[in-house]
N, C-alpha and C. Protein backbone atom coordinates (compact mmCIF):
# COMPACT_ATOMS: atom_id res chain seq x y z
N MET A 1 136.61 72.02 87.10
CA MET A 1 137.73 71.12 86.76
C MET A 1 138.43 71.60 85.50
N SER A 2 139.19 72.66 85.62
CA SER A 2 139.90 73.18 84.45
C SER A 2 141.17 72.39 84.20
N GLU A 3 141.75 71.86 85.27
CA GLU A 3 142.98 71.07 85.12
C GLU A 3 142.65 69.64 84.72
N GLU A 4 143.60 69.01 84.03
CA GLU A 4 143.45 67.59 83.71
C GLU A 4 143.63 66.79 84.99
N THR A 5 142.71 65.89 85.26
CA THR A 5 142.85 65.03 86.43
C THR A 5 143.72 63.84 86.06
N PRO A 6 144.78 63.58 86.83
CA PRO A 6 145.63 62.42 86.53
C PRO A 6 144.82 61.13 86.50
N ASP A 7 145.15 60.25 85.55
CA ASP A 7 144.38 59.01 85.39
C ASP A 7 144.33 58.21 86.67
N ILE A 8 145.45 58.16 87.40
CA ILE A 8 145.48 57.35 88.62
C ILE A 8 144.46 57.87 89.64
N VAL A 9 144.26 59.18 89.67
CA VAL A 9 143.27 59.75 90.58
C VAL A 9 141.87 59.33 90.16
N LEU A 10 141.62 59.37 88.84
CA LEU A 10 140.30 58.96 88.34
C LEU A 10 140.06 57.49 88.63
N VAL A 11 141.09 56.67 88.45
CA VAL A 11 140.95 55.24 88.70
C VAL A 11 140.63 54.99 90.17
N ARG A 12 141.35 55.66 91.06
CA ARG A 12 141.09 55.47 92.50
C ARG A 12 139.68 55.89 92.86
N ARG A 13 139.24 57.03 92.31
CA ARG A 13 137.89 57.50 92.60
C ARG A 13 136.86 56.55 92.03
N THR A 14 137.14 56.00 90.86
CA THR A 14 136.23 55.04 90.25
C THR A 14 136.10 53.80 91.12
N GLN A 15 137.23 53.34 91.69
CA GLN A 15 137.21 52.16 92.55
C GLN A 15 136.39 52.42 93.80
N GLN A 16 136.25 53.70 94.17
CA GLN A 16 135.46 54.04 95.35
C GLN A 16 133.99 54.25 94.98
N GLY A 17 133.66 54.01 93.71
CA GLY A 17 132.26 54.10 93.29
C GLY A 17 131.89 55.45 92.69
N ASP A 18 132.90 56.21 92.25
CA ASP A 18 132.63 57.53 91.68
C ASP A 18 132.28 57.40 90.20
N GLN A 19 130.99 57.48 89.90
CA GLN A 19 130.54 57.31 88.52
C GLN A 19 131.02 58.44 87.62
N ALA A 20 131.13 59.65 88.17
CA ALA A 20 131.58 60.79 87.37
C ALA A 20 133.02 60.59 86.93
N ALA A 21 133.86 60.08 87.84
CA ALA A 21 135.25 59.82 87.51
C ALA A 21 135.34 58.73 86.44
N PHE A 22 134.51 57.72 86.55
CA PHE A 22 134.49 56.65 85.56
C PHE A 22 134.11 57.21 84.19
N GLY A 23 133.13 58.10 84.18
CA GLY A 23 132.72 58.72 82.92
C GLY A 23 133.85 59.49 82.27
N LEU A 24 134.65 60.19 83.09
CA LEU A 24 135.78 60.94 82.55
C LEU A 24 136.81 60.01 81.95
N LEU A 25 137.07 58.89 82.62
CA LEU A 25 138.02 57.91 82.09
C LEU A 25 137.55 57.36 80.75
N VAL A 26 136.27 57.04 80.67
CA VAL A 26 135.71 56.51 79.42
C VAL A 26 135.87 57.53 78.30
N GLU A 27 135.57 58.80 78.61
CA GLU A 27 135.69 59.85 77.60
C GLU A 27 137.12 59.98 77.12
N LYS A 28 138.07 59.93 78.06
CA LYS A 28 139.49 60.07 77.70
C LYS A 28 139.93 59.00 76.71
N TYR A 29 139.52 57.77 76.97
CA TYR A 29 140.06 56.66 76.18
C TYR A 29 139.21 56.30 74.98
N GLN A 30 138.13 57.04 74.76
CA GLN A 30 137.35 56.81 73.55
C GLN A 30 137.93 57.57 72.37
N HIS A 31 138.77 58.57 72.64
CA HIS A 31 139.31 59.40 71.56
C HIS A 31 140.58 58.82 70.97
């Protein structure tokens, strides 16, 4: 994953139960 994943993609994956995507979202917004 060298490219930045669009937030909307991470959100959709998180809604489908993707814990890895949720972790990426958390990391993004902690900074």
